[in-house]
Amino acid sequence: MLLVVIIQKEKESYQEGQQAVLDAFGWDFEKAEITIEKINENNHVLFGLGGNILVNSGKDGVLIVDDQFPQLKNKIMRAIRKVGGKKIDYIVNSHWHFDHAEGNLAFGKTGSKIIAHENSRYMMINPQPINLVSVVYPQQPYPPHALPQLTYQDTMTVNLNGEEIGLYNFGSAHTTGDTAVYLKQSNILHMGDVFNMSGFPFIDAGNGGNIDGIINFCRSILSVVNDETIVVPGHGPISTTQDMQNYIDMLVVVRDRIQSLIDQGKNLEEVLNSHPAEEWEEGFGDATMLVDRAYTGMINNLG
């Protein structure tokens, strides 16, 4: 009886934590709509709640990058049918965070093969809370059917629908298990949350993410792609490699300013009060989460 009570309390705590995050982002599963943007005949981007979903479809089946939330399964499937898919054959998780990979809970039951970096699989089995500064998401362990069956360490290639689909990891960045997905023939790159165009990036400093890693990851993948590559960010509109370069340039300036303040012995409050990302706030919004998590990651690395 005591075990039942403990499990029920843990479930209620998780549900309360999840709802707090949904409220913070203004997300409502019932009201959510999935919109579709066509890149070419075989590739589309789905926008909904959480991370952008890249859909590659064709005679060999359907591969998607990220799958948002299980509550959106039916809406996502309706969108996939609109672009010619019948079922999801492969899912690539760009990383393990709830708003990009929790759809595994639903789609894993339907036979979709899930692919991710080995560190993302580890974090799905051994999750830690995700500190978003203003709220904490109580990430829960995934059951076996929702875990990646295929993992890789540095690079991996999937050949599907006439596409050579490259998966790349360049070390810790947004998380310790990020994947960039490059469709070579269509020249499309999905960056997950290493590249964010809806606001300042979130660095999961509590779980090994760091601003230097994001900068390195973005620079490294730019050496793989080219100036004409179509870039799908983790959040926000379809972008270009120039947008990525501008993003890198911004992060370098913010990183260097924070490092200078750390070298002066400034604490987090003092760093926040210096507004190291001030000139970008008009376009990206409040920089508190970026500065807080960047500072925390840099201090962690000093340790």
C-alpha atoms as a PDB file:
ATOM      1  CA  MET A   1       0.000   0.000   0.000  1.00  0.00           C
ATOM      2  CA  LEU A   2       2.849   2.379   0.872  1.00  0.00           C
ATOM      3  CA  LEU A   3       4.479   1.730  -2.519  1.00  0.00           C
ATOM      4  CA  VAL A   4       1.211   2.561  -4.307  1.00  0.00           C
ATOM      5  CA  VAL A   5       0.974   5.848  -2.401  1.00  0.00           C
ATOM      6  CA  ILE A   6       4.579   6.751  -3.267  1.00  0.00           C
ATOM      7  CA  ILE A   7       4.059   5.969  -6.973  1.00  0.00           C
ATOM      8  CA  GLN A   8       0.844   8.021  -7.028  1.00  0.00           C
ATOM      9  CA  LYS A   9       2.581  10.989  -5.390  1.00  0.00           C
ATOM     10  CA  GLU A  10       5.453  10.763  -7.874  1.00  0.00           C
ATOM     11  CA  LYS A  11       2.969  10.705 -10.750  1.00  0.00           C
ATOM     12  CA  GLU A  12       1.115  13.724  -9.383  1.00  0.00           C
ATOM     13  CA  SER A  13       4.413  15.572  -8.872  1.00  0.00           C
ATOM     14  CA  TYR A  14       5.437  14.869 -12.474  1.00  0.00           C
ATOM     15  CA  GLN A  15       2.075  15.993 -13.834  1.00  0.00           C
ATOM     16  CA  GLU A  16       2.245  19.201 -11.812  1.00  0.00           C
ATOM     17  CA  GLY A  17       5.798  19.844 -13.010  1.00  0.00           C
ATOM     18  CA  GLN A  18       4.865  19.185 -16.625  1.00  0.00           C
ATOM     19  CA  GLN A  19       1.848  21.493 -16.399  1.00  0.00           C
ATOM     20  CA  ALA A  20       3.985  24.256 -14.897  1.00  0.00           C
ATOM     21  CA  VAL A  21       6.289  24.093 -17.919  1.00  0.00           C
ATOM     22  CA  LEU A  22       3.380  23.995 -20.385  1.00  0.00           C
ATOM     23  CA  ASP A  23       1.886  27.032 -18.667  1.00  0.00           C
ATOM     24  CA  ALA A  24       5.229  28.848 -18.760  1.00  0.00           C
ATOM     25  CA  PHE A  25       5.428  28.366 -22.537  1.00  0.00           C
ATOM     26  CA  GLY A  26       1.716  28.960 -23.097  1.00  0.00           C
ATOM     27  CA  TRP A  27       1.301  25.503 -24.645  1.00  0.00           C
ATOM     28  CA  ASP A  28      -2.094  23.764 -24.769  1.00  0.00           C
ATOM     29  CA  PHE A  29      -2.316  20.304 -26.335  1.00  0.00           C
ATOM     30  CA  GLU A  30      -6.038  20.634 -27.067  1.00  0.00           C
ATOM     31  CA  LYS A  31      -5.660  23.932 -28.926  1.00  0.00           C
ATOM     32  CA  ALA A  32      -2.396  23.037 -30.650  1.00  0.00           C
ATOM     33  CA  GLU A  33      -2.310  23.081 -34.434  1.00  0.00           C
ATOM     34  CA  ILE A  34       0.255  21.421 -36.663  1.00  0.00           C
ATOM     35  CA  THR A  35       1.154  23.540 -39.689  1.00  0.00           C
ATOM     36  CA  ILE A  36       3.142  22.357 -42.691  1.00  0.00           C
ATOM     37  CA  GLU A  37       5.832  24.135 -44.707  1.00  0.00           C
ATOM     38  CA  LYS A  38       7.009  22.472 -47.914  1.00  0.00           C
ATOM     39  CA  ILE A  39      10.723  22.524 -48.742  1.00  0.00           C
ATOM     40  CA  ASN A  40      10.521  20.185 -51.731  1.00  0.00           C
ATOM     41  CA  GLU A  41       8.376  17.269 -52.867  1.00  0.00           C
ATOM     42  CA  ASN A  42       9.832  14.825 -50.348  1.00  0.00           C
ATOM     43  CA  ASN A  43      10.674  17.135 -47.447  1.00  0.00           C
ATOM     44  CA  HIS A  44       8.424  19.197 -45.215  1.00  0.00           C
ATOM     45  CA  VAL A  45       8.631  20.867 -41.808  1.00  0.00           C
ATOM     46  CA  LEU A  46       5.857  20.519 -39.245  1.00  0.00           C
ATOM     47  CA  PHE A  47       5.426  23.308 -36.691  1.00  0.00           C
ATOM     48  CA  GLY A  48       3.412  22.656 -33.544  1.00  0.00           C
ATOM     49  CA  LEU A  49       4.288  22.609 -29.849  1.00  0.00           C
ATOM     50  CA  GLY A  50       7.911  21.930 -29.088  1.00  0.00           C
ATOM     51  CA  GLY A  51      10.650  21.236 -31.591  1.00  0.00           C
ATOM     52  CA  ASN A  52      10.285  21.575 -35.344  1.00  0.00           C
ATOM     53  CA  ILE A  53       9.701  18.240 -37.083  1.00  0.00           C
ATOM     54  CA  LEU A  54      11.450  17.556 -40.396  1.00  0.00           C
ATOM     55  CA  VAL A  55       9.604  14.961 -42.493  1.00  0.00           C
ATOM     56  CA  ASN A  56      11.351  13.051 -45.278  1.00  0.00           C
ATOM     57  CA  SER A  57       8.938  10.848 -47.229  1.00  0.00           C
ATOM     58  CA  GLY A  58       9.111   8.752 -50.355  1.00  0.00           C
ATOM     59  CA  LYS A  59       8.997   5.233 -51.783  1.00  0.00           C
ATOM     60  CA  ASP A  60      11.142   3.855 -48.939  1.00  0.00           C
ATOM     61  CA  GLY A  61       8.883   5.238 -46.198  1.00  0.00           C
ATOM     62  CA  VAL A  62       8.922   8.146 -43.774  1.00  0.00           C
ATOM     63  CA  LEU A  63      11.727   9.435 -41.570  1.00  0.00           C
ATOM     64  CA  ILE A  64      11.102  12.284 -39.151  1.00  0.00           C
ATOM     65  CA  VAL A  65      13.483  14.308 -37.038  1.00  0.00           C
ATOM     66  CA  ASP A  66      11.922  14.838 -33.584  1.00  0.00           C
ATOM     67  CA  ASP A  67       8.359  14.025 -32.560  1.00  0.00           C
ATOM     68  CA  GLN A  68       7.195  16.628 -30.001  1.00  0.00           C
ATOM     69  CA  PHE A  69       4.643  15.221 -27.490  1.00  0.00           C
ATOM     70  CA  PRO A  70       2.584  11.995 -27.334  1.00  0.00           C
ATOM     71  CA  GLN A  71      -0.569  14.079 -26.871  1.00  0.00           C
ATOM     72  CA  LEU A  72      -0.057  15.406 -30.413  1.00  0.00           C
ATOM     73  CA  LYS A  73       0.319  11.997 -32.091  1.00  0.00           C
ATOM     74  CA  ASN A  74      -2.949  12.097 -34.046  1.00  0.00           C
ATOM     75  CA  LYS A  75      -2.409  15.672 -35.210  1.00  0.00           C
ATOM     76  CA  ILE A  76       1.135  14.872 -36.320  1.00  0.00           C
ATOM     77  CA  MET A  77      -0.054  11.768 -38.197  1.00  0.00           C
ATOM     78  CA  ARG A  78      -2.754  13.764 -39.997  1.00  0.00           C
ATOM     79  CA  ALA A  79      -0.070  16.187 -41.168  1.00  0.00           C
ATOM     80  CA  ILE A  80       2.185  13.347 -42.309  1.00  0.00           C
ATOM     81  CA  ARG A  81      -0.658  11.820 -44.319  1.00  0.00           C
ATOM     82  CA  LYS A  82      -1.193  15.194 -45.989  1.00  0.00           C
ATOM     83  CA  VAL A  83       2.381  15.112 -47.291  1.00  0.00           C
ATOM     84  CA  GLY A  84       2.034  11.558 -48.592  1.00  0.00           C
ATOM     85  CA  GLY A  85       3.190   9.405 -45.688  1.00  0.00           C
ATOM     86  CA  LYS A  86       1.236   6.477 -44.285  1.00  0.00           C
ATOM     87  CA  LYS A  87       3.231   5.704 -41.140  1.00  0.00           C
ATOM     88  CA  ILE A  88       6.482   6.732 -39.494  1.00  0.00           C
ATOM     89  CA  ASP A  89       9.232   4.242 -40.227  1.00  0.00           C
ATOM     90  CA  TYR A  90      12.153   6.056 -38.591  1.00  0.00           C
ATOM     91  CA  ILE A  91      12.474   8.752 -35.922  1.00  0.00           C
ATOM     92  CA  VAL A  92      15.703  10.608 -35.291  1.00  0.00           C
ATOM     93  CA  ASN A  93      15.792  12.313 -31.897  1.00  0.00           C
ATOM     94  CA  SER A  94      17.935  15.445 -32.156  1.00  0.00           C
ATOM     95  CA  HIS A  95      18.344  15.117 -28.370  1.00  0.00           C
ATOM     96  CA  TRP A  96      16.521  13.752 -25.326  1.00  0.00           C
ATOM     97  CA  HIS A  97      14.541  16.778 -24.090  1.00  0.00           C
ATOM     98  CA  PHE A  98      10.808  16.406 -23.565  1.00  0.00           C
ATOM     99  CA  ASP A  99       9.646  18.844 -26.255  1.00  0.00           C
ATOM    100  CA  HIS A 100      11.610  17.014 -28.965  1.00  0.00           C
ATOM    101  CA  ALA A 101      11.539  13.357 -27.957  1.00  0.00           C
ATOM    102  CA  GLU A 102       8.575  12.662 -25.712  1.00  0.00           C
ATOM    103  CA  GLY A 103       6.548  11.694 -28.760  1.00  0.00           C
ATOM    104  CA  ASN A 104       8.624   8.494 -28.605  1.00  0.00           C
ATOM    105  CA  LEU A 105       6.176   7.353 -25.944  1.00  0.00           C
ATOM    106  CA  ALA A 106       3.420   7.224 -28.564  1.00  0.00           C
ATOM    107  CA  PHE A 107       5.243   6.430 -31.793  1.00  0.00           C
ATOM    108  CA  GLY A 108       7.501   3.780 -30.275  1.00  0.00           C
ATOM    109  CA  LYS A 109       4.393   1.644 -29.783  1.00  0.00           C
ATOM    110  CA  THR A 110       3.583   1.765 -33.501  1.00  0.00           C
ATOM    111  CA  GLY A 111       6.814   0.151 -34.648  1.00  0.00           C
ATOM    112  CA  SER A 112       8.813   3.245 -35.564  1.00  0.00           C
ATOM    113  CA  LYS A 113      12.562   2.645 -35.328  1.00  0.00           C
ATOM    114  CA  ILE A 114      14.143   5.328 -33.124  1.00  0.00           C
ATOM    115  CA  ILE A 115      17.671   6.633 -33.691  1.00  0.00           C
ATOM    116  CA  ALA A 116      19.662   8.935 -31.395  1.00  0.00           C
ATOM    117  CA  HIS A 117      23.103   9.710 -30.081  1.00  0.00           C
ATOM    118  CA  GLU A 118      24.228   7.228 -27.442  1.00  0.00           C
ATOM    119  CA  ASN A 119      24.253   9.919 -24.732  1.00  0.00           C
ATOM    120  CA  SER A 120      20.643  10.808 -25.480  1.00  0.00           C
ATOM    121  CA  ARG A 121      19.618   7.194 -25.014  1.00  0.00           C
ATOM    122  CA  TYR A 122      21.483   7.129 -21.713  1.00  0.00           C
ATOM    123  CA  MET A 123      19.661  10.258 -20.540  1.00  0.00           C
ATOM    124  CA  MET A 124      16.306   8.801 -21.540  1.00  0.00           C
ATOM    125  CA  ILE A 125      17.042   5.877 -19.243  1.00  0.00           C
ATOM    126  CA  ASN A 126      18.702   7.979 -16.514  1.00  0.00           C
ATOM    127  CA  PRO A 127      17.028  11.394 -16.790  1.00  0.00           C
ATOM    128  CA  GLN A 128      17.721  14.427 -14.646  1.00  0.00           C
ATOM    129  CA  PRO A 129      15.485  17.464 -14.090  1.00  0.00           C
ATOM    130  CA  ILE A 130      15.843  20.136 -16.772  1.00  0.00           C
ATOM    131  CA  ASN A 131      16.449  23.519 -15.152  1.00  0.00           C
ATOM    132  CA  LEU A 132      14.877  26.174 -17.378  1.00  0.00           C
ATOM    133  CA  VAL A 133      15.679  28.834 -14.731  1.00  0.00           C
ATOM    134  CA  SER A 134      12.104  30.066 -14.310  1.00  0.00           C
ATOM    135  CA  VAL A 135      10.745  26.525 -14.045  1.00  0.00           C
ATOM    136  CA  VAL A 136      12.121  22.977 -13.805  1.00  0.00           C
ATOM    137  CA  TYR A 137      10.868  20.122 -15.993  1.00  0.00           C
ATOM    138  CA  PRO A 138      10.765  16.788 -14.119  1.00  0.00           C
ATOM    139  CA  GLN A 139      12.009  14.591 -16.972  1.00  0.00           C
ATOM    140  CA  GLN A 140      10.954  10.973 -16.441  1.00  0.00           C
ATOM    141  CA  PRO A 141      12.665   7.760 -17.615  1.00  0.00           C
ATOM    142  CA  TYR A 142      11.304   6.346 -20.870  1.00  0.00           C
ATOM    143  CA  PRO A 143       9.927   2.797 -21.059  1.00  0.00           C
ATOM    144  CA  PRO A 144      11.717   0.332 -23.399  1.00  0.00           C
ATOM    145  CA  HIS A 145       9.401   0.910 -26.365  1.00  0.00           C
ATOM    146  CA  ALA A 146      10.239   4.644 -26.354  1.00  0.00           C
ATOM    147  CA  LEU A 147      14.019   4.215 -26.314  1.00  0.00           C
ATOM    148  CA  PRO A 148      16.276   4.439 -29.392  1.00  0.00           C
ATOM    149  CA  GLN A 149      17.065   1.031 -30.865  1.00  0.00           C
ATOM    150  CA  LEU A 150      19.909   2.473 -32.939  1.00  0.00           C
ATOM    151  CA  THR A 151      22.599   4.747 -31.523  1.00  0.00           C
ATOM    152  CA  TYR A 152      25.869   6.210 -32.720  1.00  0.00           C
ATOM    153  CA  GLN A 153      28.866   8.048 -31.272  1.00  0.00           C
ATOM    154  CA  ASP A 154      30.254  10.549 -33.818  1.00  0.00           C
ATOM    155  CA  THR A 155      28.588  10.012 -37.200  1.00  0.00           C
ATOM    156  CA  MET A 156      26.035   7.724 -38.795  1.00  0.00           C
ATOM    157  CA  THR A 157      24.442   7.479 -42.242  1.00  0.00           C
ATOM    158  CA  VAL A 158      20.896   6.453 -43.158  1.00  0.00           C
ATOM    159  CA  ASN A 159      20.084   5.906 -46.857  1.00  0.00           C
ATOM    160  CA  LEU A 160      16.387   6.456 -47.525  1.00  0.00           C
ATOM    161  CA  ASN A 161      14.253   7.824 -50.353  1.00  0.00           C
ATOM    162  CA  GLY A 162      17.284   8.618 -52.472  1.00  0.00           C
ATOM    163  CA  GLU A 163      18.804  10.687 -49.656  1.00  0.00           C
ATOM    164  CA  GLU A 164      22.117  10.172 -47.940  1.00  0.00           C
ATOM    165  CA  ILE A 165      21.109  11.290 -44.459  1.00  0.00           C
ATOM    166  CA  GLY A 166      24.074  12.073 -42.232  1.00  0.00           C
ATOM    167  CA  LEU A 167      23.850  12.223 -38.442  1.00  0.00           C
ATOM    168  CA  TYR A 168      26.568  14.234 -36.691  1.00  0.00           C
ATOM    169  CA  ASN A 169      27.635  14.863 -33.110  1.00  0.00           C
ATOM    170  CA  PHE A 170      30.489  17.243 -32.251  1.00  0.00           C
ATOM    171  CA  GLY A 171      30.542  16.877 -28.477  1.00  0.00           C
ATOM    172  CA  SER A 172      28.586  18.528 -25.685  1.00  0.00           C
ATOM    173  CA  ALA A 173      26.606  21.576 -26.798  1.00  0.00           C
ATOM    174  CA  HIS A 174      22.919  22.162 -26.002  1.00  0.00           C
ATOM    175  CA  THR A 175      23.073  18.766 -24.266  1.00  0.00           C
ATOM    176  CA  THR A 176      25.649  15.959 -24.201  1.00  0.00           C
ATOM    177  CA  GLY A 177      23.749  14.028 -26.898  1.00  0.00           C
ATOM    178  CA  ASP A 178      22.877  16.427 -29.726  1.00  0.00           C
ATOM    179  CA  THR A 179      22.425  15.294 -33.320  1.00  0.00           C
ATOM    180  CA  ALA A 180      22.550  17.424 -36.466  1.00  0.00           C
ATOM    181  CA  VAL A 181      20.784  15.749 -39.397  1.00  0.00           C
ATOM    182  CA  TYR A 182      21.926  16.583 -42.947  1.00  0.00           C
ATOM    183  CA  LEU A 183      20.007  15.453 -46.029  1.00  0.00           C
ATOM    184  CA  LYS A 184      22.795  15.671 -48.590  1.00  0.00           C
ATOM    185  CA  GLN A 185      20.866  15.452 -51.865  1.00  0.00           C
ATOM    186  CA  SER A 186      18.192  17.956 -50.801  1.00  0.00           C
ATOM    187  CA  ASN A 187      20.779  20.072 -48.949  1.00  0.00           C
ATOM    188  CA  ILE A 188      18.636  20.363 -45.796  1.00  0.00           C
ATOM    189  CA  LEU A 189      20.052  20.531 -42.270  1.00  0.00           C
ATOM    190  CA  HIS A 190      18.076  20.001 -39.040  1.00  0.00           C
ATOM    191  CA  MET A 191      19.985  21.362 -36.033  1.00  0.00           C
ATOM    192  CA  GLY A 192      17.771  20.526 -33.079  1.00  0.00           C
ATOM    193  CA  ASP A 193      18.187  22.986 -30.220  1.00  0.00           C
ATOM    194  CA  VAL A 194      21.863  23.615 -30.884  1.00  0.00           C
ATOM    195  CA  PHE A 195      20.455  26.315 -33.199  1.00  0.00           C
ATOM    196  CA  ASN A 196      17.357  28.214 -32.057  1.00  0.00           C
ATOM    197  CA  MET A 197      15.590  30.946 -34.040  1.00  0.00           C
ATOM    198  CA  SER A 198      12.634  31.562 -31.731  1.00  0.00           C
ATOM    199  CA  GLY A 199      14.713  33.270 -29.034  1.00  0.00           C
ATOM    200  CA  PHE A 200      18.033  32.913 -27.270  1.00  0.00           C
ATOM    201  CA  PRO A 201      19.250  29.307 -27.027  1.00  0.00           C
ATOM    202  CA  PHE A 202      18.762  27.242 -23.903  1.00  0.00           C
ATOM    203  CA  ILE A 203      21.914  25.576 -22.602  1.00  0.00           C
ATOM    204  CA  ASP A 204      21.237  22.547 -20.402  1.00  0.00           C
ATOM    205  CA  ALA A 205      24.136  23.378 -18.095  1.00  0.00           C
ATOM    206  CA  GLY A 206      22.722  21.154 -15.372  1.00  0.00           C
ATOM    207  CA  ASN A 207      23.233  18.161 -17.660  1.00  0.00           C
ATOM    208  CA  GLY A 208      26.549  18.913 -19.341  1.00  0.00           C
ATOM    209  CA  GLY A 209      25.592  21.538 -21.928  1.00  0.00           C
ATOM    210  CA  ASN A 210      27.838  24.561 -22.437  1.00  0.00           C
ATOM    211  CA  ILE A 211      28.070  27.652 -24.612  1.00  0.00           C
ATOM    212  CA  ASP A 212      31.541  26.787 -25.959  1.00  0.00           C
ATOM    213  CA  GLY A 213      30.127  23.491 -27.143  1.00  0.00           C
ATOM    214  CA  ILE A 214      27.251  25.167 -28.990  1.00  0.00           C
ATOM    215  CA  ILE A 215      29.691  27.493 -30.749  1.00  0.00           C
ATOM    216  CA  ASN A 216      31.963  24.580 -31.695  1.00  0.00           C
ATOM    217  CA  PHE A 217      29.058  22.394 -32.819  1.00  0.00           C
ATOM    218  CA  CYS A 218      27.669  25.100 -35.115  1.00  0.00           C
ATOM    219  CA  ARG A 219      31.084  25.896 -36.568  1.00  0.00           C
ATOM    220  CA  SER A 220      31.781  22.212 -37.152  1.00  0.00           C
ATOM    221  CA  ILE A 221      28.557  21.480 -39.031  1.00  0.00           C
ATOM    222  CA  LEU A 222      29.003  24.577 -41.196  1.00  0.00           C
ATOM    223  CA  SER A 223      32.164  22.908 -42.543  1.00  0.00           C
ATOM    224  CA  VAL A 224      30.003  19.942 -43.639  1.00  0.00           C
ATOM    225  CA  VAL A 225      27.248  21.885 -45.424  1.00  0.00           C
ATOM    226  CA  ASN A 226      27.410  24.835 -47.856  1.00  0.00           C
ATOM    227  CA  ASP A 227      26.122  28.376 -48.305  1.00  0.00           C
ATOM    228  CA  GLU A 228      22.920  27.202 -50.024  1.00  0.00           C
ATOM    229  CA  THR A 229      21.929  24.739 -47.284  1.00  0.00           C
ATOM    230  CA  ILE A 230      18.381  25.118 -45.956  1.00  0.00           C
ATOM    231  CA  VAL A 231      18.554  25.106 -42.153  1.00  0.00           C
ATOM    232  CA  VAL A 232      15.763  23.889 -39.887  1.00  0.00           C
ATOM    233  CA  PRO A 233      16.349  25.161 -36.344  1.00  0.00           C
ATOM    234  CA  GLY A 234      15.043  23.433 -33.249  1.00  0.00           C
ATOM    235  CA  HIS A 235      12.489  26.223 -32.901  1.00  0.00           C
ATOM    236  CA  GLY A 236      11.571  29.111 -35.134  1.00  0.00           C
ATOM    237  CA  PRO A 237      11.376  29.625 -38.920  1.00  0.00           C
ATOM    238  CA  ILE A 238      13.359  27.851 -41.606  1.00  0.00           C
ATOM    239  CA  SER A 239      16.691  29.636 -41.857  1.00  0.00           C
ATOM    240  CA  THR A 240      20.010  29.912 -43.693  1.00  0.00           C
ATOM    241  CA  THR A 241      23.661  29.245 -42.958  1.00  0.00           C
ATOM    242  CA  GLN A 242      24.131  33.019 -42.723  1.00  0.00           C
ATOM    243  CA  ASP A 243      21.575  33.030 -39.895  1.00  0.00           C
ATOM    244  CA  MET A 244      23.694  30.368 -38.213  1.00  0.00           C
ATOM    245  CA  GLN A 245      26.850  32.417 -38.654  1.00  0.00           C
ATOM    246  CA  ASN A 246      25.131  35.466 -37.126  1.00  0.00           C
ATOM    247  CA  TYR A 247      24.033  33.241 -34.245  1.00  0.00           C
ATOM    248  CA  ILE A 248      27.593  32.021 -33.708  1.00  0.00           C
ATOM    249  CA  ASP A 249      28.920  35.585 -33.785  1.00  0.00           C
ATOM    250  CA  MET A 250      26.382  36.629 -31.141  1.00  0.00           C
ATOM    251  CA  LEU A 251      27.236  33.716 -28.860  1.00  0.00           C
ATOM    252  CA  VAL A 252      30.959  34.412 -29.136  1.00  0.00           C
ATOM    253  CA  VAL A 253      30.442  37.998 -27.988  1.00  0.00           C
ATOM    254  CA  VAL A 254      28.147  36.958 -25.111  1.00  0.00           C
ATOM    255  CA  ARG A 255      30.533  34.162 -24.085  1.00  0.00           C
ATOM    256  CA  ASP A 256      33.539  36.470 -24.081  1.00  0.00           C
ATOM    257  CA  ARG A 257      31.736  39.104 -22.024  1.00  0.00           C
ATOM    258  CA  ILE A 258      30.657  36.549 -19.435  1.00  0.00           C
ATOM    259  CA  GLN A 259      34.163  35.076 -19.302  1.00  0.00           C
ATOM    260  CA  SER A 260      35.637  38.531 -18.692  1.00  0.00           C
ATOM    261  CA  LEU A 261      33.248  39.054 -15.787  1.00  0.00           C
ATOM    262  CA  ILE A 262      34.050  35.615 -14.357  1.00  0.00           C
ATOM    263  CA  ASP A 263      37.745  36.486 -14.551  1.00  0.00           C
ATOM    264  CA  GLN A 264      36.956  39.615 -12.538  1.00  0.00           C
ATOM    265  CA  GLY A 265      35.350  37.476  -9.842  1.00  0.00           C
ATOM    266  CA  LYS A 266      31.771  38.515 -10.596  1.00  0.00           C
ATOM    267  CA  ASN A 267      28.964  36.274  -9.357  1.00  0.00           C
ATOM    268  CA  LEU A 268      25.854  35.265 -11.311  1.00  0.00           C
ATOM    269  CA  GLU A 269      23.754  38.186 -10.118  1.00  0.00           C
ATOM    270  CA  GLU A 270      26.450  40.653 -11.123  1.00  0.00           C
ATOM    271  CA  VAL A 271      26.812  39.010 -14.529  1.00  0.00           C
ATOM    272  CA  LEU A 272      23.061  39.161 -15.108  1.00  0.00           C
ATOM    273  CA  ASN A 273      22.997  42.825 -14.096  1.00  0.00           C
ATOM    274  CA  SER A 274      25.690  43.597 -16.680  1.00  0.00           C
ATOM    275  CA  HIS A 275      23.325  42.482 -19.514  1.00  0.00           C
ATOM    276  CA  PRO A 276      25.970  40.839 -21.727  1.00  0.00           C
ATOM    277  CA  ALA A 277      23.425  40.138 -24.504  1.00  0.00           C
ATOM    278  CA  GLU A 278      21.615  43.455 -24.312  1.00  0.00           C
ATOM    279  CA  GLU A 279      21.851  44.486 -27.969  1.00  0.00           C
ATOM    280  CA  TRP A 280      20.160  41.266 -29.110  1.00  0.00           C
ATOM    281  CA  GLU A 281      17.270  41.321 -26.650  1.00  0.00           C
ATOM    282  CA  GLU A 282      15.033  43.389 -28.914  1.00  0.00           C
ATOM    283  CA  GLY A 283      15.044  40.575 -31.455  1.00  0.00           C
ATOM    284  CA  PHE A 284      15.376  37.509 -29.224  1.00  0.00           C
ATOM    285  CA  GLY A 285      13.622  38.577 -26.014  1.00  0.00           C
ATOM    286  CA  ASP A 286      14.832  38.369 -22.434  1.00  0.00           C
ATOM    287  CA  ALA A 287      18.340  36.919 -22.145  1.00  0.00           C
ATOM    288  CA  THR A 288      18.156  35.819 -18.494  1.00  0.00           C
ATOM    289  CA  MET A 289      17.981  32.096 -19.251  1.00  0.00           C
ATOM    290  CA  LEU A 290      20.851  32.242 -21.759  1.00  0.00           C
ATOM    291  CA  VAL A 291      23.130  34.215 -19.442  1.00  0.00           C
ATOM    292  CA  ASP A 292      22.236  32.159 -16.374  1.00  0.00           C
ATOM    293  CA  ARG A 293      22.848  28.818 -18.092  1.00  0.00           C
ATOM    294  CA  ALA A 294      25.926  30.009 -19.998  1.00  0.00           C
ATOM    295  CA  TYR A 295      27.491  31.309 -16.765  1.00  0.00           C
ATOM    296  CA  THR A 296      26.593  28.097 -14.914  1.00  0.00           C
ATOM    297  CA  GLY A 297      28.112  25.920 -17.639  1.00  0.00           C
ATOM    298  CA  MET A 298      31.294  27.967 -17.698  1.00  0.00           C
ATOM    299  CA  ILE A 299      31.635  27.774 -13.906  1.00  0.00           C
ATOM    300  CA  ASN A 300      30.984  24.011 -14.055  1.00  0.00           C
ATOM    301  CA  ASN A 301      33.800  23.635 -16.578  1.00  0.00           C
ATOM    302  CA  LEU A 302      36.156  25.542 -14.263  1.00  0.00           C
ATOM    303  CA  GLY A 303      35.448  22.940 -11.611  1.00  0.00           C
END
